[in-house]
Amino acid sequence: MAEDTQDEPVLDQNTASEQERLDGLVAQMHTDVKGEDAATVEQALRHRLTDIGMTLDESEIARLVAELSA
């Protein structure tokens, strides 16, 4: 039997910093929520943050919502 096996998910092999994860999330959301109103953007952002297990303070969420809904 081969000793070279993949024993963990591929994504778990390379860990990204919190800032890199946030940057990636925001980049993806720019495409996903383009043209949506602020309430829709906020709901989507909060959902995605929960999905990836990331917590931001309310001022950072408000800043990102403004950026994404501009």
N, C-alpha and C. Protein backbone atom coordinates (compact mmCIF):
# COMPACT_ATOMS: atom_id res chain seq x y z
N MET A 1 0.83 -1.19 0.00
CA MET A 1 0.00 0.00 0.00
C MET A 1 0.87 1.25 0.00
N ALA A 2 0.43 2.25 -0.64
CA ALA A 2 1.17 3.51 -0.72
C ALA A 2 1.06 4.27 0.59
N GLU A 3 2.13 4.88 0.98
CA GLU A 3 2.15 5.70 2.21
C GLU A 3 1.67 7.12 1.95
N ASP A 4 1.67 7.56 0.70
CA ASP A 4 1.28 8.92 0.36
C ASP A 4 -0.22 8.99 0.16
N THR A 5 -0.94 9.22 1.24
CA THR A 5 -2.39 9.34 1.16
C THR A 5 -2.82 10.73 1.58
N GLN A 6 -3.96 11.12 1.12
CA GLN A 6 -4.54 12.40 1.51
C GLN A 6 -5.47 12.13 2.68
N ASP A 7 -5.06 12.57 3.86
CA ASP A 7 -5.82 12.29 5.07
C ASP A 7 -6.62 13.47 5.58
N GLU A 8 -6.60 14.56 4.86
CA GLU A 8 -7.38 15.73 5.25
C GLU A 8 -7.89 16.40 3.99
N PRO A 9 -8.97 17.20 4.12
CA PRO A 9 -9.47 17.90 2.94
C PRO A 9 -8.38 18.80 2.36
N VAL A 10 -8.37 18.93 1.07
CA VAL A 10 -7.35 19.73 0.39
C VAL A 10 -7.32 21.15 0.94
N LEU A 11 -8.47 21.74 1.16
CA LEU A 11 -8.51 23.12 1.65
C LEU A 11 -7.91 23.27 3.03
N ASP A 12 -7.90 22.22 3.84
CA ASP A 12 -7.33 22.29 5.18
C ASP A 12 -5.81 22.27 5.16
N GLN A 13 -5.22 21.97 4.04
CA GLN A 13 -3.77 21.88 3.96
C GLN A 13 -3.12 23.26 3.91
N ASN A 14 -3.80 24.24 3.39
CA ASN A 14 -3.26 25.59 3.27
C ASN A 14 -4.16 26.54 4.05
N THR A 15 -3.65 27.05 5.13
CA THR A 15 -4.47 27.93 5.95
C THR A 15 -4.26 29.38 5.53
N ALA A 16 -5.34 30.09 5.41
CA ALA A 16 -5.30 31.51 5.05
C ALA A 16 -5.48 32.34 6.32
N SER A 17 -4.91 33.52 6.32
CA SER A 17 -5.09 34.42 7.45
C SER A 17 -6.54 34.91 7.47
N GLU A 18 -6.95 35.47 8.58
CA GLU A 18 -8.31 36.02 8.68
C GLU A 18 -8.51 37.10 7.62
N GLN A 19 -7.50 37.94 7.42
CA GLN A 19 -7.63 39.02 6.44
C GLN A 19 -7.75 38.45 5.03
N GLU A 20 -6.99 37.41 4.73
CA GLU A 20 -7.09 36.78 3.41
C GLU A 20 -8.46 36.15 3.20
N ARG A 21 -8.99 35.55 4.23
CA ARG A 21 -10.33 34.96 4.14
C ARG A 21 -11.37 36.04 3.90
N LEU A 22 -11.25 37.15 4.64
CA LEU A 22 -12.20 38.25 4.48
C LEU A 22 -12.07 38.87 3.10
N ASP A 23 -10.84 39.08 2.63
CA ASP A 23 -10.63 39.64 1.30
C ASP A 23 -11.26 38.76 0.23
N GLY A 24 -11.10 37.46 0.37
CA GLY A 24 -11.70 36.53 -0.59
C GLY A 24 -13.21 36.57 -0.56
N LEU A 25 -13.77 36.65 0.63
CA LEU A 25 -15.22 36.74 0.78
C LEU A 25 -15.76 38.00 0.12
N VAL A 26 -15.11 39.13 0.39
CA VAL A 26 -15.55 40.40 -0.18
C VAL A 26 -15.43 40.39 -1.70
N ALA A 27 -14.34 39.85 -2.22
CA ALA A 27 -14.17 39.77 -3.67
C ALA A 27 -15.29 38.96 -4.31
N GLN A 28 -15.64 37.83 -3.72
CA GLN A 28 -16.72 37.00 -4.26
C GLN A 28 -18.06 37.71 -4.15
N MET A 29 -18.27 38.40 -3.03
CA MET A 29 -19.56 39.07 -2.84
C MET A 29 -19.74 40.24 -3.80
N HIS A 30 -18.65 40.89 -4.20
CA HIS A 30 -18.77 41.98 -5.18
C HIS A 30 -19.52 41.50 -6.42
N THR A 31 -19.24 40.29 -6.83
CA THR A 31 -19.91 39.70 -7.99
C THR A 31 -21.31 39.24 -7.64
N ASP A 32 -21.45 38.59 -6.50
CA ASP A 32 -22.72 37.95 -6.14
C ASP A 32 -23.83 38.95 -5.81
N VAL A 33 -23.50 40.10 -5.23
CA VAL A 33 -24.55 41.03 -4.79
C VAL A 33 -24.58 42.32 -5.60
N LYS A 34 -23.90 42.33 -6.72
CA LYS A 34 -23.88 43.52 -7.57
C LYS A 34 -25.30 43.96 -7.91
N GLY A 35 -25.60 45.23 -7.65
CA GLY A 35 -26.91 45.78 -7.97
C GLY A 35 -27.97 45.57 -6.90
N GLU A 36 -27.63 44.88 -5.84
CA GLU A 36 -28.60 44.63 -4.75
C GLU A 36 -28.63 45.81 -3.78
N ASP A 37 -29.75 45.97 -3.08
CA ASP A 37 -29.84 47.05 -2.10
C ASP A 37 -29.08 46.68 -0.81
N ALA A 38 -28.88 47.67 0.04
CA ALA A 38 -28.06 47.49 1.25
C ALA A 38 -28.62 46.41 2.17
N ALA A 39 -29.93 46.32 2.30
CA ALA A 39 -30.53 45.31 3.19
C ALA A 39 -30.21 43.89 2.70
N THR A 40 -30.30 43.69 1.40
CA THR A 40 -30.00 42.39 0.82
C THR A 40 -28.51 42.06 0.98
N VAL A 41 -27.67 43.05 0.74
CA VAL A 41 -26.22 42.87 0.89
C VAL A 41 -25.89 42.51 2.33
N GLU A 42 -26.47 43.22 3.28
CA GLU A 42 -26.20 42.94 4.70
C GLU A 42 -26.62 41.53 5.07
N GLN A 43 -27.79 41.12 4.63
CA GLN A 43 -28.27 39.77 4.93
C GLN A 43 -27.31 38.73 4.34
N ALA A 44 -26.90 38.92 3.10
CA ALA A 44 -25.99 37.97 2.45
C ALA A 44 -24.63 37.96 3.16
N LEU A 45 -24.13 39.12 3.53
CA LEU A 45 -22.84 39.21 4.21
C LEU A 45 -22.88 38.49 5.55
N ARG A 46 -23.91 38.75 6.33
CA ARG A 46 -24.02 38.09 7.64
C ARG A 46 -24.12 36.57 7.48
N HIS A 47 -24.85 36.13 6.49
CA HIS A 47 -24.99 34.69 6.23
C HIS A 47 -23.64 34.08 5.87
N ARG A 48 -22.92 34.73 4.98
CA ARG A 48 -21.61 34.21 4.56
C ARG A 48 -20.61 34.21 5.71
N LEU A 49 -20.63 35.25 6.52
CA LEU A 49 -19.73 35.29 7.68
C LEU A 49 -20.02 34.13 8.63
N THR A 50 -21.29 33.85 8.84
CA THR A 50 -21.68 32.71 9.68
C THR A 50 -21.19 31.41 9.06
N ASP A 51 -21.37 31.28 7.75
CA ASP A 51 -20.95 30.07 7.04
C ASP A 51 -19.47 29.77 7.23
N ILE A 52 -18.63 30.81 7.23
CA ILE A 52 -17.19 30.59 7.35
C ILE A 52 -16.69 30.73 8.78
N GLY A 53 -17.61 30.99 9.71
CA GLY A 53 -17.22 31.06 11.12
C GLY A 53 -16.42 32.30 11.47
N MET A 54 -16.70 33.41 10.80
CA MET A 54 -15.96 34.65 11.05
C MET A 54 -16.88 35.65 11.73
N THR A 55 -16.33 36.36 12.70
CA THR A 55 -17.08 37.38 13.42
C THR A 55 -16.44 38.74 13.18
N LEU A 56 -17.26 39.72 12.82
CA LEU A 56 -16.79 41.09 12.66
C LEU A 56 -17.62 42.00 13.54
N ASP A 57 -17.05 43.13 13.95
CA ASP A 57 -17.85 44.06 14.75
C ASP A 57 -18.82 44.81 13.83
N GLU A 58 -19.82 45.41 14.42
CA GLU A 58 -20.90 46.04 13.65
C GLU A 58 -20.39 47.16 12.75
N SER A 59 -19.37 47.90 13.19
CA SER A 59 -18.86 48.98 12.35
C SER A 59 -18.18 48.44 11.10
N GLU A 60 -17.50 47.31 11.21
CA GLU A 60 -16.86 46.70 10.04
C GLU A 60 -17.92 46.13 9.10
N ILE A 61 -18.97 45.54 9.64
CA ILE A 61 -20.06 45.05 8.80
C ILE A 61 -20.71 46.20 8.05
N ALA A 62 -20.97 47.30 8.75
CA ALA A 62 -21.58 48.48 8.11
C ALA A 62 -20.68 49.02 7.00
N ARG A 63 -19.36 49.04 7.24
CA ARG A 63 -18.42 49.53 6.23
C ARG A 63 -18.45 48.64 4.99
N LEU A 64 -18.46 47.32 5.21
CA LEU A 64 -18.48 46.39 4.09
C LEU A 64 -19.79 46.46 3.32
N VAL A 65 -20.89 46.59 4.03
CA VAL A 65 -22.20 46.72 3.36
C VAL A 65 -22.20 47.96 2.47
N ALA A 66 -21.69 49.08 3.00
CA ALA A 66 -21.63 50.30 2.20
C ALA A 66 -20.76 50.11 0.97
N GLU A 67 -19.62 49.45 1.14
CA GLU A 67 -18.72 49.20 0.01
C GLU A 67 -19.37 48.30 -1.03
N LEU A 68 -20.03 47.23 -0.56
CA LEU A 68 -20.59 46.25 -1.48
C LEU A 68 -21.87 46.72 -2.17
N SER A 69 -22.59 47.66 -1.56
CA SER A 69 -23.85 48.10 -2.15
C SER A 69 -23.69 49.42 -2.89
N ALA A 70 -22.46 49.91 -2.99
CA ALA A 70 -22.21 51.19 -3.69
C ALA A 70 -22.28 51.00 -5.19
